[in-house]
N, C-alpha and C. Protein backbone atom coordinates (compact mmCIF):
# COMPACT_ATOMS: atom_id res chain seq x y z
N MET A 1 55.71 60.48 160.81
CA MET A 1 56.14 60.15 162.15
C MET A 1 57.15 59.01 162.08
N ALA A 2 58.30 59.23 162.59
CA ALA A 2 59.35 58.21 162.60
C ALA A 2 59.06 57.19 163.69
N TYR A 3 59.68 56.05 163.57
CA TYR A 3 59.50 54.98 164.55
C TYR A 3 59.99 55.45 165.91
N ARG A 4 59.15 55.34 166.91
CA ARG A 4 59.41 55.92 168.23
C ARG A 4 60.49 55.19 169.03
N LYS A 5 60.82 53.97 168.66
CA LYS A 5 61.81 53.20 169.42
C LYS A 5 63.12 53.04 168.65
N MET A 6 63.42 53.99 167.77
CA MET A 6 64.60 53.85 166.91
C MET A 6 65.89 53.75 167.73
N ARG A 7 65.99 54.50 168.80
CA ARG A 7 67.21 54.44 169.63
C ARG A 7 67.38 53.03 170.22
N GLU A 8 66.30 52.43 170.64
CA GLU A 8 66.34 51.06 171.17
C GLU A 8 66.74 50.07 170.07
N VAL A 9 66.24 50.28 168.86
CA VAL A 9 66.57 49.41 167.72
C VAL A 9 68.05 49.53 167.37
N GLU A 10 68.60 50.74 167.46
CA GLU A 10 70.02 50.94 167.13
C GLU A 10 70.90 50.02 167.95
N GLN A 11 70.67 49.96 169.25
CA GLN A 11 71.48 49.09 170.10
C GLN A 11 71.14 47.63 169.87
N ALA A 12 69.87 47.33 169.74
CA ALA A 12 69.46 45.94 169.55
C ALA A 12 70.00 45.37 168.24
N MET A 13 70.01 46.17 167.18
CA MET A 13 70.47 45.68 165.88
C MET A 13 71.92 45.20 165.95
N LEU A 14 72.75 45.91 166.68
CA LEU A 14 74.15 45.47 166.83
C LEU A 14 74.20 44.08 167.46
N ASN A 15 73.38 43.86 168.48
CA ASN A 15 73.34 42.55 169.14
C ASN A 15 72.73 41.49 168.23
N TRP A 16 71.66 41.84 167.52
CA TRP A 16 71.00 40.88 166.63
C TRP A 16 71.94 40.41 165.53
N VAL A 17 72.67 41.34 164.94
CA VAL A 17 73.59 40.99 163.86
C VAL A 17 74.74 40.13 164.40
N LYS A 18 75.24 40.49 165.55
CA LYS A 18 76.38 39.76 166.13
C LYS A 18 75.98 38.39 166.65
N ASP A 19 74.90 38.33 167.43
CA ASP A 19 74.55 37.10 168.15
C ASP A 19 73.23 36.48 167.76
N GLY A 20 72.45 37.12 166.92
CA GLY A 20 71.12 36.63 166.59
C GLY A 20 70.10 37.10 167.62
N VAL A 21 68.85 36.78 167.37
CA VAL A 21 67.76 37.13 168.28
C VAL A 21 67.78 36.11 169.41
N ARG A 22 67.83 36.61 170.65
CA ARG A 22 68.04 35.70 171.77
C ARG A 22 66.99 35.76 172.88
N SER A 23 66.12 36.75 172.88
CA SER A 23 65.22 36.88 174.02
C SER A 23 63.82 37.28 173.59
N LYS A 24 62.89 37.14 174.52
CA LYS A 24 61.52 37.55 174.27
C LYS A 24 61.44 39.05 174.00
N SER A 25 62.25 39.83 174.69
CA SER A 25 62.22 41.28 174.46
C SER A 25 62.69 41.62 173.05
N ASP A 26 63.63 40.82 172.50
CA ASP A 26 64.04 41.01 171.10
C ASP A 26 62.85 40.77 170.17
N ILE A 27 62.15 39.66 170.40
CA ILE A 27 60.99 39.33 169.56
C ILE A 27 59.90 40.38 169.72
N ASP A 28 59.69 40.85 170.94
CA ASP A 28 58.68 41.89 171.17
C ASP A 28 59.01 43.17 170.39
N LEU A 29 60.29 43.55 170.36
CA LEU A 29 60.69 44.74 169.62
C LEU A 29 60.52 44.52 168.11
N ILE A 30 60.89 43.35 167.63
CA ILE A 30 60.70 43.03 166.21
C ILE A 30 59.21 43.06 165.86
N GLU A 31 58.37 42.52 166.73
CA GLU A 31 56.92 42.55 166.51
C GLU A 31 56.43 44.00 166.44
N ASP A 32 56.93 44.84 167.32
CA ASP A 32 56.52 46.24 167.33
C ASP A 32 56.92 46.94 166.02
N ILE A 33 58.09 46.60 165.49
CA ILE A 33 58.53 47.18 164.22
C ILE A 33 57.57 46.74 163.10
N GLY A 34 57.26 45.44 163.07
CA GLY A 34 56.34 44.93 162.05
C GLY A 34 54.97 45.58 162.13
N LYS A 35 54.50 45.78 163.34
CA LYS A 35 53.20 46.44 163.54
C LYS A 35 53.27 47.89 163.07
N PHE A 36 54.39 48.56 163.35
CA PHE A 36 54.55 49.95 162.93
C PHE A 36 54.55 50.08 161.41
N ILE A 37 55.32 49.23 160.72
CA ILE A 37 55.40 49.37 159.26
C ILE A 37 54.12 48.93 158.57
N ALA A 38 53.28 48.15 159.26
CA ALA A 38 51.96 47.81 158.72
C ALA A 38 50.95 48.93 159.02
N ASP A 39 51.38 49.90 159.84
CA ASP A 39 50.48 50.96 160.30
C ASP A 39 49.17 50.33 160.78
N ALA A 40 49.32 49.31 161.64
CA ALA A 40 48.21 48.45 162.04
C ALA A 40 47.13 49.21 162.80
N LYS A 41 45.91 48.95 162.40
CA LYS A 41 44.72 49.47 163.06
C LYS A 41 43.84 48.29 163.41
N GLU A 42 43.30 48.29 164.63
CA GLU A 42 42.39 47.19 165.00
C GLU A 42 41.11 47.31 164.20
N ASP A 43 40.61 46.15 163.74
CA ASP A 43 39.33 46.17 163.04
C ASP A 43 38.24 45.74 164.01
N ASN A 44 37.00 45.74 163.56
CA ASN A 44 35.87 45.45 164.45
C ASN A 44 35.69 43.96 164.72
N ARG A 45 36.55 43.10 164.16
CA ARG A 45 36.46 41.66 164.39
C ARG A 45 37.57 41.18 165.30
N GLY A 46 38.31 42.07 165.91
CA GLY A 46 39.38 41.69 166.82
C GLY A 46 40.71 41.44 166.13
N GLY A 47 40.78 41.68 164.83
CA GLY A 47 42.03 41.52 164.09
C GLY A 47 42.64 42.87 163.78
N TYR A 48 43.48 42.90 162.76
CA TYR A 48 44.15 44.13 162.36
C TYR A 48 44.02 44.32 160.86
N ARG A 49 44.06 45.56 160.46
CA ARG A 49 44.12 45.92 159.04
C ARG A 49 45.21 46.97 158.90
N SER A 50 45.77 47.05 157.71
CA SER A 50 46.84 48.03 157.51
C SER A 50 46.24 49.42 157.35
N GLY A 51 46.97 50.40 157.81
CA GLY A 51 46.53 51.78 157.72
C GLY A 51 47.05 52.45 156.45
N PHE A 52 46.73 53.71 156.31
CA PHE A 52 47.07 54.49 155.12
C PHE A 52 48.58 54.59 154.92
N ASN A 53 49.34 54.60 155.99
CA ASN A 53 50.80 54.78 155.90
C ASN A 53 51.58 53.47 155.90
N ALA A 54 50.91 52.35 155.66
CA ALA A 54 51.58 51.05 155.68
C ALA A 54 52.59 50.93 154.55
N VAL A 55 53.68 50.23 154.83
CA VAL A 55 54.65 49.87 153.79
C VAL A 55 54.00 48.79 152.94
N THR A 56 54.11 48.92 151.63
CA THR A 56 53.47 47.96 150.72
C THR A 56 54.41 46.81 150.40
N THR A 57 53.83 45.74 149.89
CA THR A 57 54.62 44.58 149.49
C THR A 57 55.63 44.94 148.42
N SER A 58 55.24 45.76 147.47
CA SER A 58 56.19 46.13 146.40
C SER A 58 57.35 46.95 146.96
N GLN A 59 57.11 47.76 147.97
CA GLN A 59 58.19 48.51 148.60
C GLN A 59 59.13 47.55 149.36
N ILE A 60 58.56 46.58 150.02
CA ILE A 60 59.34 45.60 150.76
C ILE A 60 60.18 44.75 149.81
N ARG A 61 59.61 44.43 148.66
CA ARG A 61 60.28 43.56 147.70
C ARG A 61 61.64 44.12 147.27
N ILE A 62 61.78 45.44 147.25
CA ILE A 62 63.04 46.07 146.86
C ILE A 62 64.17 45.57 147.76
N ALA A 63 63.94 45.59 149.05
CA ALA A 63 64.97 45.14 149.99
C ALA A 63 65.00 43.62 150.11
N TYR A 64 63.84 43.01 150.16
CA TYR A 64 63.78 41.57 150.40
C TYR A 64 64.41 40.78 149.25
N GLY A 65 64.19 41.21 148.03
CA GLY A 65 64.78 40.52 146.89
C GLY A 65 66.29 40.54 146.95
N GLU A 66 66.85 41.67 147.30
CA GLU A 66 68.30 41.78 147.39
C GLU A 66 68.85 40.98 148.56
N ILE A 67 68.16 40.99 149.67
CA ILE A 67 68.59 40.22 150.83
C ILE A 67 68.55 38.73 150.53
N THR A 68 67.51 38.28 149.85
CA THR A 68 67.41 36.87 149.47
C THR A 68 68.55 36.49 148.53
N ARG A 69 68.85 37.34 147.57
CA ARG A 69 69.94 37.07 146.64
C ARG A 69 71.27 36.99 147.39
N LEU A 70 71.47 37.89 148.33
CA LEU A 70 72.71 37.89 149.10
C LEU A 70 72.84 36.66 150.00
N LYS A 71 71.71 36.11 150.44
CA LYS A 71 71.78 34.88 151.24
C LYS A 71 72.36 33.74 150.41
N MET A 72 72.08 33.75 149.11
CA MET A 72 72.59 32.69 148.24
C MET A 72 74.07 32.91 147.90
N LYS A 73 74.44 34.17 147.68
CA LYS A 73 75.82 34.48 147.32
C LYS A 73 76.17 35.84 147.92
N PHE A 74 76.80 35.79 149.07
CA PHE A 74 77.12 37.02 149.79
C PHE A 74 78.35 37.71 149.22
N ASP A 75 78.25 39.04 149.07
CA ASP A 75 79.44 39.84 148.77
C ASP A 75 79.25 41.24 149.35
N ASP A 76 80.36 41.81 149.82
CA ASP A 76 80.33 43.10 150.52
C ASP A 76 79.78 44.23 149.65
N THR A 77 80.17 44.26 148.40
CA THR A 77 79.75 45.35 147.52
C THR A 77 78.24 45.39 147.36
N SER A 78 77.64 44.23 147.09
CA SER A 78 76.19 44.18 146.94
C SER A 78 75.48 44.56 148.24
N LEU A 79 76.07 44.15 149.35
CA LEU A 79 75.49 44.53 150.65
C LEU A 79 75.47 46.05 150.79
N MET A 80 76.59 46.69 150.52
CA MET A 80 76.66 48.15 150.65
C MET A 80 75.76 48.86 149.64
N MET A 81 75.55 48.27 148.46
CA MET A 81 74.69 48.88 147.45
C MET A 81 73.22 48.82 147.84
N LEU A 82 72.91 48.05 148.86
CA LEU A 82 71.54 48.02 149.38
C LEU A 82 71.16 49.38 149.96
N ARG A 83 72.11 50.09 150.53
CA ARG A 83 71.83 51.40 151.13
C ARG A 83 71.29 52.40 150.10
N PRO A 84 71.95 52.61 148.94
CA PRO A 84 71.37 53.55 147.98
C PRO A 84 70.04 53.08 147.41
N LYS A 85 69.86 51.77 147.27
CA LYS A 85 68.57 51.26 146.78
C LYS A 85 67.45 51.62 147.76
N LEU A 86 67.74 51.48 149.04
CA LEU A 86 66.75 51.83 150.06
C LEU A 86 66.48 53.33 150.08
N ALA A 87 67.53 54.12 149.93
CA ALA A 87 67.36 55.58 149.91
C ALA A 87 66.48 56.00 148.73
N TYR A 88 66.72 55.40 147.57
CA TYR A 88 65.92 55.70 146.38
C TYR A 88 64.46 55.30 146.60
N ALA A 89 64.25 54.10 147.14
CA ALA A 89 62.90 53.63 147.39
C ALA A 89 62.18 54.50 148.42
N ALA A 90 62.90 54.95 149.44
CA ALA A 90 62.30 55.82 150.46
C ALA A 90 61.90 57.16 149.85
N ALA A 91 62.73 57.67 148.95
CA ALA A 91 62.40 58.95 148.29
C ALA A 91 61.17 58.83 147.40
N ARG A 92 61.00 57.67 146.78
CA ARG A 92 59.86 57.46 145.89
C ARG A 92 58.59 57.09 146.64
N ALA A 93 58.70 56.72 147.89
CA ALA A 93 57.58 56.12 148.62
C ALA A 93 56.43 57.09 148.92
N ASN A 94 56.65 58.40 148.79
CA ASN A 94 55.60 59.35 149.18
C ASN A 94 55.14 59.00 150.59
N ASP A 95 56.09 58.94 151.47
CA ASP A 95 55.97 58.33 152.80
C ASP A 95 55.56 59.35 153.85
N LYS A 96 54.30 59.76 153.82
CA LYS A 96 53.84 60.78 154.77
C LYS A 96 53.91 60.33 156.22
N GLY A 97 53.73 59.03 156.47
CA GLY A 97 53.76 58.53 157.84
C GLY A 97 55.13 58.13 158.33
N GLY A 98 56.12 58.15 157.46
CA GLY A 98 57.48 57.81 157.86
C GLY A 98 57.73 56.32 158.03
N THR A 99 56.78 55.48 157.62
CA THR A 99 56.94 54.05 157.85
C THR A 99 58.05 53.46 156.98
N TYR A 100 58.09 53.79 155.70
CA TYR A 100 59.13 53.22 154.84
C TYR A 100 60.50 53.80 155.20
N ALA A 101 60.54 55.07 155.50
CA ALA A 101 61.81 55.69 155.90
C ALA A 101 62.34 55.02 157.17
N SER A 102 61.46 54.68 158.09
CA SER A 102 61.88 54.01 159.32
C SER A 102 62.38 52.60 159.02
N LEU A 103 61.65 51.85 158.17
CA LEU A 103 62.11 50.51 157.80
C LEU A 103 63.47 50.60 157.11
N SER A 104 63.61 51.55 156.22
CA SER A 104 64.87 51.75 155.51
C SER A 104 66.01 52.04 156.49
N GLU A 105 65.75 52.88 157.46
CA GLU A 105 66.77 53.21 158.47
C GLU A 105 67.14 51.99 159.29
N ILE A 106 66.17 51.17 159.64
CA ILE A 106 66.42 49.96 160.42
C ILE A 106 67.30 48.99 159.62
N ILE A 107 66.99 48.82 158.35
CA ILE A 107 67.79 47.93 157.51
C ILE A 107 69.20 48.49 157.34
N LYS A 108 69.31 49.81 157.17
CA LYS A 108 70.64 50.43 157.05
C LYS A 108 71.47 50.22 158.32
N LEU A 109 70.83 50.28 159.48
CA LEU A 109 71.55 49.98 160.72
C LEU A 109 72.14 48.58 160.67
N GLY A 110 71.36 47.63 160.18
CA GLY A 110 71.83 46.26 160.06
C GLY A 110 72.95 46.11 159.05
N VAL A 111 72.80 46.76 157.91
CA VAL A 111 73.84 46.72 156.87
C VAL A 111 75.14 47.28 157.42
N ASN A 112 75.06 48.40 158.10
CA ASN A 112 76.26 49.01 158.69
C ASN A 112 76.90 48.09 159.74
N ALA A 113 76.07 47.44 160.53
CA ALA A 113 76.59 46.53 161.56
C ALA A 113 77.30 45.33 160.91
N VAL A 114 76.72 44.78 159.86
CA VAL A 114 77.36 43.66 159.17
C VAL A 114 78.68 44.12 158.55
N SER A 115 78.68 45.28 157.93
CA SER A 115 79.88 45.81 157.27
C SER A 115 81.02 46.04 158.26
N ALA A 116 80.69 46.34 159.50
CA ALA A 116 81.71 46.62 160.51
C ALA A 116 82.33 45.35 161.11
N MET A 117 81.75 44.20 160.78
CA MET A 117 82.25 42.94 161.34
C MET A 117 83.55 42.52 160.65
N GLU A 118 84.31 41.68 161.32
CA GLU A 118 85.49 41.07 160.71
C GLU A 118 85.04 40.23 159.52
N GLN A 119 85.88 40.13 158.51
CA GLN A 119 85.52 39.44 157.27
C GLN A 119 85.00 38.02 157.51
N HIS A 120 85.65 37.28 158.41
CA HIS A 120 85.24 35.89 158.64
C HIS A 120 83.90 35.78 159.39
N GLN A 121 83.39 36.89 159.93
CA GLN A 121 82.12 36.89 160.66
C GLN A 121 80.96 37.44 159.83
N LYS A 122 81.26 38.00 158.67
CA LYS A 122 80.23 38.72 157.91
C LYS A 122 79.10 37.83 157.41
N GLN A 123 79.40 36.64 156.93
CA GLN A 123 78.34 35.77 156.41
C GLN A 123 77.34 35.42 157.52
N LYS A 124 77.83 35.03 158.67
CA LYS A 124 76.94 34.71 159.80
C LYS A 124 76.17 35.94 160.24
N ALA A 125 76.85 37.08 160.31
CA ALA A 125 76.18 38.33 160.70
C ALA A 125 75.09 38.69 159.70
N PHE A 126 75.38 38.53 158.42
CA PHE A 126 74.37 38.83 157.41
C PHE A 126 73.18 37.88 157.54
N ASN A 127 73.43 36.60 157.77
CA ASN A 127 72.33 35.65 157.95
C ASN A 127 71.46 36.04 159.14
N ASN A 128 72.08 36.55 160.21
CA ASN A 128 71.32 37.04 161.36
C ASN A 128 70.46 38.24 160.96
N LEU A 129 71.02 39.17 160.18
CA LEU A 129 70.26 40.32 159.70
C LEU A 129 69.09 39.86 158.84
N ALA A 130 69.33 38.90 157.95
CA ALA A 130 68.26 38.39 157.09
C ALA A 130 67.14 37.78 157.92
N SER A 131 67.49 37.05 158.97
CA SER A 131 66.48 36.45 159.85
C SER A 131 65.65 37.52 160.55
N VAL A 132 66.30 38.58 161.00
CA VAL A 132 65.57 39.69 161.64
C VAL A 132 64.61 40.33 160.64
N PHE A 133 65.10 40.58 159.43
CA PHE A 133 64.25 41.20 158.40
C PHE A 133 63.06 40.30 158.08
N GLU A 134 63.28 39.00 157.96
CA GLU A 134 62.18 38.07 157.70
C GLU A 134 61.16 38.07 158.84
N ALA A 135 61.63 38.18 160.07
CA ALA A 135 60.72 38.23 161.21
C ALA A 135 59.90 39.52 161.19
N ILE A 136 60.53 40.64 160.85
CA ILE A 136 59.81 41.91 160.74
C ILE A 136 58.71 41.77 159.68
N LEU A 137 59.04 41.17 158.55
CA LEU A 137 58.05 41.01 157.48
C LEU A 137 56.92 40.08 157.89
N ALA A 138 57.23 39.04 158.65
CA ALA A 138 56.19 38.14 159.13
C ALA A 138 55.19 38.90 160.02
N TYR A 139 55.71 39.73 160.91
CA TYR A 139 54.82 40.52 161.77
C TYR A 139 54.08 41.59 160.96
N HIS A 140 54.72 42.16 159.96
CA HIS A 140 54.06 43.12 159.07
C HIS A 140 52.81 42.46 158.47
N LYS A 141 52.96 41.26 157.96
CA LYS A 141 51.84 40.54 157.36
C LYS A 141 50.80 40.18 158.41
N ALA A 142 51.25 39.74 159.59
CA ALA A 142 50.32 39.37 160.66
C ALA A 142 49.46 40.54 161.11
N TYR A 143 49.99 41.74 161.02
CA TYR A 143 49.25 42.93 161.43
C TYR A 143 48.56 43.61 160.25
N GLY A 144 48.31 42.86 159.20
CA GLY A 144 47.48 43.37 158.11
C GLY A 144 48.24 44.01 156.96
N GLY A 145 49.56 43.97 157.00
CA GLY A 145 50.34 44.56 155.92
C GLY A 145 50.05 43.90 154.59
N LYS A 146 50.03 44.71 153.56
CA LYS A 146 49.72 44.19 152.23
C LYS A 146 50.87 44.37 151.30
């Protein structure tokens, strides 16, 4: 099952990359993405645990490691090479629930948005994308992601 709000994310990602996260509705959507990729299920103690289709930490590390490296030294080529890395990881994920494929698609939307920016705006746009990705991961963990 693909992420049900992907169309909403497509438009929001353009704004997030350009201007950063600016509103409660932005944070609510990011929280919903994190909850989705954790495949969050309520437990009997009022908290959450990850479900069978949750994205794993090792799967996240593929993208997060590259994004962290790019924050230190940004270059267009490495940014664009993130797309095939994500495609490879999605193919290997055995992703019956579509959670990793959805996360991969969301990150690709951000990569494409950064790539479309004017050269002098790309570093700031990439930093905005990195912040969004970090927020998604924070909510993934908060909702029981492992």
